Amino acid sequence: MGDEAPMNLTHHFLIAMPGLQDASFARSVVYLCEHSQKGALGLVINKPTDINLKNLFEKVDLPLGRADLASTPVLQGGPVQTERGFVLHEAVHAEGAEADESVYASTMTIPGGLEMTTSKDVLEAIATGAGPRKLLVTLGYSAWGEGQLESELAENSWLTVGADPSVIFDTPIAERYEKALSLLGLQSWMLSPGAGHA
């Protein structure tokens, strides 16, 4: 085999196996925004907080110009920087801008057509009724250091599958775990905690 290319799970889902008991990640689906040899960064897409976007906008003193989003829950993106907002959204291109140039100040462009923005300007755009049509807002994010995710995968903590944006944006939160599993042709009852340790 020789030098294998490093594993790159950017734009993939991590789906928690039943044996994963960590409170932040039990039954979670994580969307990986970035994965390299240095580590990984992702957002949990199926753990709602008790605040919705209307509450969040009130906290940052912005009107919410999008009635379609008012009752959308803000999600727990992970245990790191839980006071910061992260907005995962479909790519938004400024007129006349380069294809890979986002309209927002601090945006990570994710191969696969999504973007993750941490600057307030995306919220300001939504406040005016504009902004990305499809989006998900989390407080906090999930991070893995160098080699950490790979070792968790080796311990059967996670299943991985290429991300399908419809799971993020079009599937009710309570159904996202099963929906992500279904991308692998699996259902949660098939995953007994003892599997794979014969």
N, C-alpha and C. Protein backbone atom coordinates (compact mmCIF):
# COMPACT_ATOMS: atom_id res chain seq x y z
N MET A 1 0.83 -1.21 0.00
CA MET A 1 0.00 0.00 0.00
C MET A 1 0.87 1.26 0.00
N GLY A 2 1.92 1.28 0.80
CA GLY A 2 2.79 2.44 0.82
C GLY A 2 2.13 3.63 1.49
N ASP A 3 2.43 4.83 0.98
CA ASP A 3 1.91 6.05 1.61
C ASP A 3 0.44 6.22 1.28
N GLU A 4 -0.40 6.01 2.25
CA GLU A 4 -1.81 6.23 1.99
C GLU A 4 -2.11 7.71 2.15
N ALA A 5 -3.00 8.20 1.31
CA ALA A 5 -3.42 9.59 1.46
C ALA A 5 -4.08 9.72 2.82
N PRO A 6 -3.85 10.83 3.51
CA PRO A 6 -4.50 10.98 4.81
C PRO A 6 -6.02 10.99 4.63
N MET A 7 -6.69 10.45 5.62
CA MET A 7 -8.14 10.42 5.58
C MET A 7 -8.66 11.85 5.58
N ASN A 8 -9.60 12.14 4.70
CA ASN A 8 -10.20 13.47 4.71
C ASN A 8 -11.71 13.32 4.70
N LEU A 9 -12.32 13.66 5.82
CA LEU A 9 -13.77 13.52 5.95
C LEU A 9 -14.48 14.87 5.92
N THR A 10 -13.83 15.87 5.32
CA THR A 10 -14.51 17.15 5.13
C THR A 10 -15.80 16.91 4.34
N HIS A 11 -16.87 17.61 4.70
CA HIS A 11 -18.19 17.46 4.06
C HIS A 11 -18.72 16.03 4.22
N HIS A 12 -18.43 15.44 5.36
CA HIS A 12 -19.00 14.14 5.73
C HIS A 12 -19.77 14.30 7.03
N PHE A 13 -20.66 13.35 7.27
CA PHE A 13 -21.30 13.23 8.57
C PHE A 13 -20.56 12.21 9.42
N LEU A 14 -20.40 12.53 10.69
CA LEU A 14 -20.02 11.53 11.68
C LEU A 14 -21.30 11.17 12.41
N ILE A 15 -21.59 9.89 12.50
CA ILE A 15 -22.81 9.44 13.16
C ILE A 15 -22.39 8.63 14.37
N ALA A 16 -22.83 9.08 15.56
CA ALA A 16 -22.38 8.43 16.79
C ALA A 16 -22.90 7.00 16.86
N MET A 17 -22.03 6.09 17.19
CA MET A 17 -22.43 4.72 17.44
C MET A 17 -23.08 4.65 18.82
N PRO A 18 -23.95 3.64 19.04
CA PRO A 18 -24.65 3.57 20.32
C PRO A 18 -23.72 3.50 21.52
N GLY A 19 -22.52 2.97 21.33
CA GLY A 19 -21.59 2.85 22.46
C GLY A 19 -20.99 4.18 22.89
N LEU A 20 -21.16 5.22 22.08
CA LEU A 20 -20.57 6.52 22.40
C LEU A 20 -21.44 7.21 23.43
N GLN A 21 -20.96 7.25 24.67
CA GLN A 21 -21.78 7.75 25.78
C GLN A 21 -21.53 9.20 26.13
N ASP A 22 -20.49 9.79 25.56
CA ASP A 22 -20.16 11.18 25.88
C ASP A 22 -21.40 12.06 25.73
N ALA A 23 -21.69 12.85 26.76
CA ALA A 23 -22.94 13.62 26.77
C ALA A 23 -23.07 14.55 25.57
N SER A 24 -21.95 15.11 25.13
CA SER A 24 -22.02 16.04 24.00
C SER A 24 -22.37 15.33 22.70
N PHE A 25 -22.02 14.05 22.63
CA PHE A 25 -22.07 13.39 21.33
C PHE A 25 -22.97 12.16 21.24
N ALA A 26 -23.60 11.75 22.35
CA ALA A 26 -24.46 10.57 22.28
C ALA A 26 -25.57 10.81 21.25
N ARG A 27 -25.77 9.86 20.38
CA ARG A 27 -26.79 9.93 19.31
C ARG A 27 -26.68 11.20 18.47
N SER A 28 -25.46 11.66 18.28
CA SER A 28 -25.32 12.90 17.51
C SER A 28 -24.93 12.61 16.06
N VAL A 29 -25.23 13.60 15.23
CA VAL A 29 -24.73 13.64 13.86
C VAL A 29 -23.90 14.91 13.78
N VAL A 30 -22.64 14.75 13.41
CA VAL A 30 -21.73 15.90 13.29
C VAL A 30 -21.44 16.12 11.82
N TYR A 31 -21.58 17.36 11.38
CA TYR A 31 -21.18 17.71 10.03
C TYR A 31 -19.75 18.24 10.11
N LEU A 32 -18.83 17.60 9.38
CA LEU A 32 -17.43 18.03 9.44
C LEU A 32 -17.17 19.13 8.41
N CYS A 33 -16.81 20.30 8.93
CA CYS A 33 -16.50 21.44 8.07
C CYS A 33 -15.07 21.39 7.57
N GLU A 34 -14.22 20.74 8.34
CA GLU A 34 -12.80 20.74 8.01
C GLU A 34 -12.17 19.50 8.62
N HIS A 35 -11.32 18.84 7.86
CA HIS A 35 -10.59 17.68 8.39
C HIS A 35 -9.26 17.61 7.66
N SER A 36 -8.20 17.68 8.42
CA SER A 36 -6.87 17.59 7.82
C SER A 36 -5.98 16.81 8.77
N GLN A 37 -4.72 16.73 8.44
CA GLN A 37 -3.80 16.01 9.33
C GLN A 37 -3.68 16.73 10.68
N LYS A 38 -4.02 18.02 10.71
CA LYS A 38 -3.91 18.77 11.97
C LYS A 38 -5.09 18.53 12.90
N GLY A 39 -6.18 17.99 12.37
CA GLY A 39 -7.35 17.75 13.21
C GLY A 39 -8.62 17.99 12.44
N ALA A 40 -9.72 18.10 13.17
CA ALA A 40 -11.02 18.24 12.52
C ALA A 40 -11.88 19.23 13.29
N LEU A 41 -12.81 19.83 12.55
CA LEU A 41 -13.74 20.78 13.13
C LEU A 41 -15.11 20.49 12.54
N GLY A 42 -16.11 20.41 13.41
CA GLY A 42 -17.44 20.11 12.92
C GLY A 42 -18.51 20.70 13.81
N LEU A 43 -19.75 20.57 13.34
CA LEU A 43 -20.90 21.08 14.07
C LEU A 43 -21.91 19.95 14.25
N VAL A 44 -22.38 19.76 15.48
CA VAL A 44 -23.45 18.80 15.71
C VAL A 44 -24.73 19.40 15.14
N ILE A 45 -25.46 18.63 14.33
CA ILE A 45 -26.63 19.19 13.63
C ILE A 45 -27.95 18.69 14.20
N ASN A 46 -27.93 17.94 15.30
CA ASN A 46 -29.20 17.39 15.78
C ASN A 46 -29.41 17.51 17.28
N LYS A 47 -28.79 18.52 17.90
CA LYS A 47 -29.00 18.73 19.34
C LYS A 47 -29.52 20.15 19.57
N PRO A 48 -30.84 20.31 19.68
CA PRO A 48 -31.36 21.67 19.86
C PRO A 48 -31.07 22.22 21.25
N THR A 49 -30.85 23.52 21.32
CA THR A 49 -30.79 24.20 22.62
C THR A 49 -32.22 24.65 22.96
N ASP A 50 -32.37 25.34 24.07
CA ASP A 50 -33.72 25.81 24.40
C ASP A 50 -33.94 27.24 23.91
N ILE A 51 -33.06 27.74 23.05
CA ILE A 51 -33.34 29.06 22.47
C ILE A 51 -33.53 28.91 20.97
N ASN A 52 -34.36 29.79 20.42
CA ASN A 52 -34.57 29.77 18.97
C ASN A 52 -33.93 31.01 18.36
N LEU A 53 -34.03 31.11 17.04
CA LEU A 53 -33.35 32.21 16.37
C LEU A 53 -33.92 33.56 16.79
N LYS A 54 -35.21 33.60 17.06
CA LYS A 54 -35.80 34.86 17.51
C LYS A 54 -35.12 35.32 18.81
N ASN A 55 -34.94 34.39 19.77
CA ASN A 55 -34.25 34.73 21.03
C ASN A 55 -32.82 35.17 20.76
N LEU A 56 -32.14 34.44 19.87
CA LEU A 56 -30.74 34.75 19.58
C LEU A 56 -30.61 36.15 19.00
N PHE A 57 -31.49 36.49 18.08
CA PHE A 57 -31.41 37.82 17.47
C PHE A 57 -31.70 38.91 18.50
N GLU A 58 -32.63 38.63 19.43
CA GLU A 58 -32.87 39.61 20.49
C GLU A 58 -31.62 39.81 21.33
N LYS A 59 -30.89 38.72 21.58
CA LYS A 59 -29.67 38.82 22.39
C LYS A 59 -28.60 39.68 21.73
N VAL A 60 -28.54 39.63 20.40
CA VAL A 60 -27.51 40.41 19.71
C VAL A 60 -28.08 41.73 19.17
N ASP A 61 -29.27 42.09 19.69
CA ASP A 61 -29.89 43.37 19.32
C ASP A 61 -30.11 43.53 17.83
N LEU A 62 -30.57 42.48 17.20
CA LEU A 62 -30.91 42.59 15.78
C LEU A 62 -32.37 42.18 15.61
N PRO A 63 -33.06 42.82 14.69
CA PRO A 63 -34.39 42.31 14.36
C PRO A 63 -34.23 41.03 13.54
N LEU A 64 -35.20 40.16 13.59
CA LEU A 64 -35.12 38.97 12.74
C LEU A 64 -36.05 39.22 11.57
N GLY A 65 -35.46 39.52 10.43
CA GLY A 65 -36.26 39.90 9.27
C GLY A 65 -36.81 38.72 8.51
N ARG A 66 -36.73 37.54 9.08
CA ARG A 66 -37.15 36.35 8.34
C ARG A 66 -38.12 35.55 9.21
N ALA A 67 -39.41 35.74 8.96
CA ALA A 67 -40.42 35.03 9.75
C ALA A 67 -40.25 33.52 9.64
N ASP A 68 -39.70 33.07 8.50
CA ASP A 68 -39.54 31.62 8.29
C ASP A 68 -38.55 31.01 9.29
N LEU A 69 -37.75 31.85 9.92
CA LEU A 69 -36.70 31.31 10.79
C LEU A 69 -36.98 31.50 12.28
N ALA A 70 -37.99 32.29 12.64
CA ALA A 70 -38.15 32.73 14.02
C ALA A 70 -38.15 31.58 15.02
N SER A 71 -38.86 30.50 14.70
CA SER A 71 -38.99 29.43 15.69
C SER A 71 -37.93 28.34 15.51
N THR A 72 -37.00 28.54 14.57
CA THR A 72 -35.96 27.55 14.34
C THR A 72 -35.04 27.47 15.55
N PRO A 73 -34.85 26.28 16.12
CA PRO A 73 -33.97 26.21 17.29
C PRO A 73 -32.51 26.47 16.92
N VAL A 74 -31.81 27.10 17.85
CA VAL A 74 -30.36 27.17 17.77
C VAL A 74 -29.84 25.84 18.30
N LEU A 75 -28.81 25.31 17.68
CA LEU A 75 -28.33 23.97 18.04
C LEU A 75 -27.06 24.04 18.89
N GLN A 76 -26.81 22.97 19.63
CA GLN A 76 -25.55 22.83 20.35
C GLN A 76 -24.55 22.24 19.37
N GLY A 77 -23.65 23.08 18.89
CA GLY A 77 -22.73 22.61 17.85
C GLY A 77 -21.60 21.75 18.39
N GLY A 78 -21.39 21.84 19.70
CA GLY A 78 -20.29 21.09 20.30
C GLY A 78 -19.81 21.80 21.54
N PRO A 79 -18.85 21.20 22.23
CA PRO A 79 -18.46 21.71 23.55
C PRO A 79 -17.44 22.84 23.53
N VAL A 80 -16.98 23.28 22.37
CA VAL A 80 -15.95 24.31 22.31
C VAL A 80 -16.58 25.66 21.97
N GLN A 81 -16.18 26.71 22.67
CA GLN A 81 -16.65 28.08 22.42
C GLN A 81 -18.17 28.16 22.35
N THR A 82 -18.82 27.67 23.41
CA THR A 82 -20.27 27.57 23.37
C THR A 82 -20.98 28.91 23.44
N GLU A 83 -20.24 29.99 23.64
CA GLU A 83 -20.90 31.30 23.65
C GLU A 83 -20.85 31.94 22.26
N ARG A 84 -20.18 31.28 21.32
CA ARG A 84 -20.06 31.86 19.98
C ARG A 84 -21.02 31.19 19.01
N GLY A 85 -21.54 32.00 18.12
CA GLY A 85 -22.45 31.45 17.11
C GLY A 85 -21.71 31.04 15.85
N PHE A 86 -22.15 29.94 15.28
CA PHE A 86 -21.61 29.43 14.02
C PHE A 86 -22.78 29.21 13.08
N VAL A 87 -22.69 29.72 11.89
CA VAL A 87 -23.79 29.62 10.94
C VAL A 87 -23.34 28.75 9.78
N LEU A 88 -23.98 27.61 9.64
CA LEU A 88 -23.72 26.73 8.50
C LEU A 88 -24.79 27.03 7.47
N HIS A 89 -24.36 27.32 6.25
CA HIS A 89 -25.36 27.75 5.26
C HIS A 89 -24.93 27.37 3.86
N GLU A 90 -25.91 27.43 2.96
CA GLU A 90 -25.54 27.19 1.57
C GLU A 90 -24.71 28.38 1.08
N ALA A 91 -23.91 28.14 0.07
CA ALA A 91 -23.00 29.18 -0.41
C ALA A 91 -23.79 30.40 -0.89
N VAL A 92 -23.30 31.56 -0.52
CA VAL A 92 -23.90 32.82 -0.95
C VAL A 92 -22.84 33.57 -1.72
N HIS A 93 -23.14 33.93 -2.95
CA HIS A 93 -22.12 34.61 -3.75
C HIS A 93 -22.56 36.04 -4.04
N ALA A 94 -21.61 36.94 -3.84
CA ALA A 94 -21.88 38.33 -4.19
C ALA A 94 -21.88 38.44 -5.71
N GLU A 95 -22.68 39.35 -6.21
CA GLU A 95 -22.71 39.55 -7.65
C GLU A 95 -21.32 39.99 -8.11
N GLY A 96 -20.83 39.31 -9.12
CA GLY A 96 -19.55 39.70 -9.68
C GLY A 96 -18.34 39.25 -8.89
N ALA A 97 -18.56 38.54 -7.78
CA ALA A 97 -17.41 38.09 -6.99
C ALA A 97 -16.86 36.78 -7.56
N GLU A 98 -15.67 36.45 -7.13
CA GLU A 98 -15.09 35.17 -7.53
C GLU A 98 -15.95 34.04 -6.95
N ALA A 99 -15.93 32.92 -7.63
CA ALA A 99 -16.77 31.80 -7.18
C ALA A 99 -16.42 31.35 -5.76
N ASP A 100 -15.13 31.47 -5.41
CA ASP A 100 -14.75 30.96 -4.08
C ASP A 100 -14.66 32.09 -3.06
N GLU A 101 -15.22 33.22 -3.38
CA GLU A 101 -15.13 34.37 -2.49
C GLU A 101 -16.49 34.55 -1.82
N SER A 102 -16.53 34.43 -0.51
CA SER A 102 -17.80 34.56 0.19
C SER A 102 -18.14 36.03 0.39
N VAL A 103 -19.43 36.29 0.58
CA VAL A 103 -19.85 37.68 0.82
C VAL A 103 -19.66 38.08 2.27
N TYR A 104 -19.36 37.12 3.15
CA TYR A 104 -19.23 37.45 4.57
C TYR A 104 -17.77 37.49 5.00
N ALA A 105 -17.53 38.16 6.13
CA ALA A 105 -16.16 38.43 6.55
C ALA A 105 -15.39 37.17 6.92
N SER A 106 -15.90 36.39 7.88
CA SER A 106 -15.13 35.21 8.24
C SER A 106 -15.91 33.97 7.91
N THR A 107 -15.64 33.48 6.74
CA THR A 107 -16.36 32.32 6.22
C THR A 107 -15.38 31.25 5.80
N MET A 108 -15.68 30.04 6.19
CA MET A 108 -14.93 28.89 5.71
C MET A 108 -15.75 28.26 4.58
N THR A 109 -15.13 28.17 3.41
CA THR A 109 -15.83 27.53 2.29
C THR A 109 -15.53 26.04 2.34
N ILE A 110 -16.61 25.26 2.34
CA ILE A 110 -16.46 23.81 2.50
C ILE A 110 -16.70 23.18 1.14
N PRO A 111 -15.77 22.34 0.67
CA PRO A 111 -16.01 21.67 -0.60
C PRO A 111 -17.31 20.90 -0.50
N GLY A 112 -18.15 21.02 -1.50
CA GLY A 112 -19.46 20.39 -1.41
C GLY A 112 -20.54 21.46 -1.41
N GLY A 113 -20.11 22.72 -1.42
CA GLY A 113 -21.07 23.78 -1.65
C GLY A 113 -21.68 24.42 -0.41
N LEU A 114 -21.11 24.14 0.77
CA LEU A 114 -21.62 24.80 1.96
C LEU A 114 -20.57 25.78 2.48
N GLU A 115 -21.02 26.69 3.35
CA GLU A 115 -20.11 27.62 3.99
C GLU A 115 -20.44 27.69 5.46
N MET A 116 -19.42 28.02 6.26
CA MET A 116 -19.63 28.17 7.70
C MET A 116 -19.08 29.54 8.07
N THR A 117 -19.96 30.39 8.59
CA THR A 117 -19.60 31.78 8.88
C THR A 117 -19.69 32.04 10.37
N THR A 118 -18.69 32.72 10.90
CA THR A 118 -18.69 33.04 12.33
C THR A 118 -18.83 34.53 12.57
N SER A 119 -18.89 35.32 11.51
CA SER A 119 -18.97 36.77 11.72
C SER A 119 -20.43 37.21 11.79
N LYS A 120 -20.63 38.34 12.43
CA LYS A 120 -21.99 38.81 12.69
C LYS A 120 -22.68 39.28 11.40
N ASP A 121 -21.91 39.54 10.35
CA ASP A 121 -22.55 40.09 9.15
C ASP A 121 -23.56 39.15 8.53
N VAL A 122 -23.38 37.84 8.73
CA VAL A 122 -24.39 36.92 8.18
C VAL A 122 -25.70 37.11 8.95
N LEU A 123 -25.61 37.35 10.26
CA LEU A 123 -26.82 37.60 11.04
C LEU A 123 -27.45 38.93 10.64
N GLU A 124 -26.59 39.91 10.35
CA GLU A 124 -27.11 41.21 9.93
C GLU A 124 -27.85 41.09 8.60
N ALA A 125 -27.35 40.25 7.71
CA ALA A 125 -28.04 40.04 6.43
C ALA A 125 -29.41 39.39 6.66
N ILE A 126 -29.45 38.41 7.57
CA ILE A 126 -30.72 37.75 7.88
C ILE A 126 -31.68 38.76 8.53
N ALA A 127 -31.13 39.65 9.35
CA ALA A 127 -31.95 40.65 10.04
C ALA A 127 -32.70 41.52 9.03
N THR A 128 -32.08 41.75 7.87
CA THR A 128 -32.74 42.60 6.86
C THR A 128 -33.66 41.78 5.98
N GLY A 129 -33.77 40.49 6.26
CA GLY A 129 -34.64 39.65 5.43
C GLY A 129 -33.89 38.98 4.30
N ALA A 130 -32.58 39.23 4.23
CA ALA A 130 -31.77 38.60 3.18
C ALA A 130 -31.01 37.43 3.80
N GLY A 131 -29.77 37.24 3.34
CA GLY A 131 -28.97 36.16 3.92
C GLY A 131 -29.23 34.84 3.22
N PRO A 132 -28.51 33.82 3.63
CA PRO A 132 -28.67 32.52 2.98
C PRO A 132 -30.07 31.98 3.20
N ARG A 133 -30.61 31.33 2.18
CA ARG A 133 -31.97 30.80 2.29
C ARG A 133 -32.00 29.63 3.27
N LYS A 134 -31.00 28.76 3.15
CA LYS A 134 -30.96 27.59 4.03
C LYS A 134 -29.80 27.75 4.98
N LEU A 135 -30.07 27.64 6.28
CA LEU A 135 -28.99 27.81 7.23
C LEU A 135 -29.32 27.08 8.52
N LEU A 136 -28.28 26.89 9.29
CA LEU A 136 -28.39 26.25 10.59
C LEU A 136 -27.45 27.02 11.51
N VAL A 137 -27.93 27.39 12.70
CA VAL A 137 -27.11 28.17 13.62
C VAL A 137 -26.80 27.32 14.84
N THR A 138 -25.53 27.26 15.20
CA THR A 138 -25.15 26.52 16.40
C THR A 138 -24.43 27.47 17.35
N LEU A 139 -24.46 27.11 18.62
CA LEU A 139 -23.59 27.73 19.60
C LEU A 139 -22.52 26.68 19.90
N GLY A 140 -21.28 27.09 19.70
CA GLY A 140 -20.19 26.15 19.95
C GLY A 140 -19.92 25.26 18.75
N TYR A 141 -18.79 24.58 18.80
CA TYR A 141 -18.43 23.65 17.74
C TYR A 141 -17.69 22.47 18.35
N SER A 142 -17.42 21.51 17.53
CA SER A 142 -16.72 20.29 17.96
C SER A 142 -15.35 20.28 17.30
N ALA A 143 -14.35 19.92 18.07
CA ALA A 143 -13.00 19.92 17.52
C ALA A 143 -12.26 18.67 17.96
N TRP A 144 -11.42 18.20 17.08
CA TRP A 144 -10.56 17.06 17.37
C TRP A 144 -9.13 17.46 17.04
N GLY A 145 -8.21 17.12 17.93
CA GLY A 145 -6.81 17.41 17.67
C GLY A 145 -6.22 16.43 16.66
N GLU A 146 -4.95 16.60 16.41
CA GLU A 146 -4.26 15.77 15.43
C GLU A 146 -4.40 14.28 15.77
N GLY A 147 -4.94 13.51 14.85
CA GLY A 147 -5.03 12.06 15.04
C GLY A 147 -6.16 11.61 15.96
N GLN A 148 -6.82 12.56 16.64
CA GLN A 148 -7.83 12.19 17.63
C GLN A 148 -9.07 11.56 16.99
N LEU A 149 -9.54 12.17 15.91
CA LEU A 149 -10.72 11.63 15.25
C LEU A 149 -10.41 10.25 14.67
N GLU A 150 -9.22 10.13 14.08
CA GLU A 150 -8.85 8.84 13.51
C GLU A 150 -8.86 7.73 14.56
N SER A 151 -8.38 8.06 15.78
CA SER A 151 -8.37 7.02 16.80
C SER A 151 -9.79 6.71 17.28
N GLU A 152 -10.68 7.73 17.33
CA GLU A 152 -12.07 7.46 17.69
C GLU A 152 -12.74 6.60 16.63
N LEU A 153 -12.41 6.83 15.37
CA LEU A 153 -12.97 6.00 14.30
C LEU A 153 -12.48 4.57 14.42
N ALA A 154 -11.20 4.44 14.79
CA ALA A 154 -10.64 3.09 14.95
C ALA A 154 -11.31 2.34 16.10
N GLU A 155 -11.82 3.10 17.08
CA GLU A 155 -12.51 2.47 18.22
C GLU A 155 -14.00 2.26 17.95
N ASN A 156 -14.41 2.43 16.69
CA ASN A 156 -15.82 2.26 16.33
C ASN A 156 -16.75 3.22 17.06
N SER A 157 -16.28 4.43 17.35
CA SER A 157 -17.15 5.40 17.99
C SER A 157 -18.11 6.04 17.00
N TRP A 158 -17.68 6.11 15.74
CA TRP A 158 -18.44 6.84 14.73
C TRP A 158 -18.58 6.03 13.45
N LEU A 159 -19.70 6.22 12.78
CA LEU A 159 -19.84 5.83 11.38
C LEU A 159 -19.64 7.11 10.55
N THR A 160 -19.18 6.96 9.33
CA THR A 160 -19.01 8.14 8.49
C THR A 160 -19.72 7.92 7.16
N VAL A 161 -20.24 9.01 6.63
CA VAL A 161 -20.90 8.94 5.33
C VAL A 161 -20.81 10.34 4.71
N GLY A 162 -20.73 10.38 3.40
CA GLY A 162 -20.71 11.67 2.72
C GLY A 162 -21.95 12.48 3.10
N ALA A 163 -21.76 13.76 3.35
CA ALA A 163 -22.87 14.59 3.84
C ALA A 163 -23.90 14.83 2.75
N ASP A 164 -25.14 14.85 3.16
CA ASP A 164 -26.25 15.22 2.28
C ASP A 164 -26.88 16.47 2.88
N PRO A 165 -26.74 17.64 2.21
CA PRO A 165 -27.26 18.87 2.81
C PRO A 165 -28.74 18.80 3.17
N SER A 166 -29.52 17.94 2.50
CA SER A 166 -30.95 17.90 2.83
C SER A 166 -31.17 17.39 4.26
N VAL A 167 -30.22 16.60 4.78
CA VAL A 167 -30.35 16.15 6.17
C VAL A 167 -30.18 17.35 7.11
N ILE A 168 -29.29 18.26 6.74
CA ILE A 168 -29.01 19.44 7.57
C ILE A 168 -30.16 20.44 7.51
N PHE A 169 -30.65 20.69 6.30
CA PHE A 169 -31.54 21.83 6.11
C PHE A 169 -33.02 21.46 5.96
N ASP A 170 -33.31 20.25 5.52
CA ASP A 170 -34.70 19.92 5.19
C ASP A 170 -35.31 18.84 6.06
N THR A 171 -34.53 18.26 6.96
CA THR A 171 -35.02 17.15 7.78
C THR A 171 -35.28 17.66 9.20
N PRO A 172 -36.44 17.34 9.79
CA PRO A 172 -36.68 17.76 11.17
C PRO A 172 -35.56 17.26 12.09
N ILE A 173 -35.22 18.09 13.08
CA ILE A 173 -34.07 17.78 13.94
C ILE A 173 -34.16 16.37 14.52
N ALA A 174 -35.34 16.01 14.99
CA ALA A 174 -35.50 14.72 15.67
C ALA A 174 -35.28 13.53 14.73
N GLU A 175 -35.33 13.78 13.43
CA GLU A 175 -35.20 12.68 12.46
C GLU A 175 -33.81 12.64 11.81
N ARG A 176 -32.95 13.57 12.17
CA ARG A 176 -31.67 13.66 11.44
C ARG A 176 -30.77 12.47 11.70
N TYR A 177 -30.80 11.92 12.92
CA TYR A 177 -29.94 10.77 13.22
C TYR A 177 -30.32 9.59 12.33
N GLU A 178 -31.60 9.25 12.31
CA GLU A 178 -32.04 8.12 11.47
C GLU A 178 -31.81 8.40 9.99
N LYS A 179 -32.04 9.66 9.59
CA LYS A 179 -31.89 10.01 8.19
C LYS A 179 -30.42 9.86 7.75
N ALA A 180 -29.51 10.30 8.62
CA ALA A 180 -28.08 10.17 8.29
C ALA A 180 -27.70 8.69 8.21
N LEU A 181 -28.21 7.89 9.15
CA LEU A 181 -27.95 6.45 9.10
C LEU A 181 -28.48 5.84 7.81
N SER A 182 -29.63 6.34 7.36
CA SER A 182 -30.24 5.75 6.16
C SER A 182 -29.38 5.99 4.92
N LEU A 183 -28.49 7.01 4.97
CA LEU A 183 -27.56 7.23 3.85
C LEU A 183 -26.61 6.04 3.72
N LEU A 184 -26.42 5.32 4.83
CA LEU A 184 -25.58 4.12 4.82
C LEU A 184 -26.42 2.85 4.64
N GLY A 185 -27.73 3.04 4.48
CA GLY A 185 -28.61 1.87 4.40
C GLY A 185 -28.82 1.21 5.74
N LEU A 186 -28.65 1.98 6.83
CA LEU A 186 -28.77 1.42 8.17
C LEU A 186 -29.94 2.04 8.92
N GLN A 187 -30.36 1.34 9.97
CA GLN A 187 -31.32 1.90 10.92
C GLN A 187 -30.74 1.68 12.30
N SER A 188 -31.14 2.52 13.25
CA SER A 188 -30.45 2.48 14.55
C SER A 188 -30.59 1.13 15.25
N TRP A 189 -31.68 0.40 15.02
CA TRP A 189 -31.81 -0.88 15.72
C TRP A 189 -30.77 -1.88 15.26
N MET A 190 -30.17 -1.66 14.09
CA MET A 190 -29.15 -2.59 13.59
C MET A 190 -27.82 -2.42 14.33
N LEU A 191 -27.66 -1.29 15.03
CA LEU A 191 -26.38 -0.98 15.65
C LEU A 191 -26.41 -1.38 17.11
N SER A 192 -26.15 -2.63 17.40
CA SER A 192 -26.14 -2.97 18.81
C SER A 192 -24.80 -2.53 19.37
N PRO A 193 -24.78 -2.05 20.62
CA PRO A 193 -23.53 -1.56 21.18
C PRO A 193 -22.42 -2.59 21.16
N GLY A 194 -22.79 -3.87 21.17
CA GLY A 194 -21.75 -4.90 21.19
C GLY A 194 -21.22 -5.27 19.83
N ALA A 195 -21.78 -4.70 18.77
CA ALA A 195 -21.38 -5.12 17.43
C ALA A 195 -19.91 -4.82 17.17
N GLY A 196 -19.28 -5.66 16.43
CA GLY A 196 -17.91 -5.41 16.02
C GLY A 196 -16.87 -5.78 17.06
N HIS A 197 -17.28 -6.40 18.16
CA HIS A 197 -16.31 -6.82 19.17
C HIS A 197 -16.45 -8.31 19.44
N ALA A 198 -16.57 -9.08 18.39
CA ALA A 198 -16.79 -10.52 18.56
C ALA A 198 -15.54 -11.16 19.14
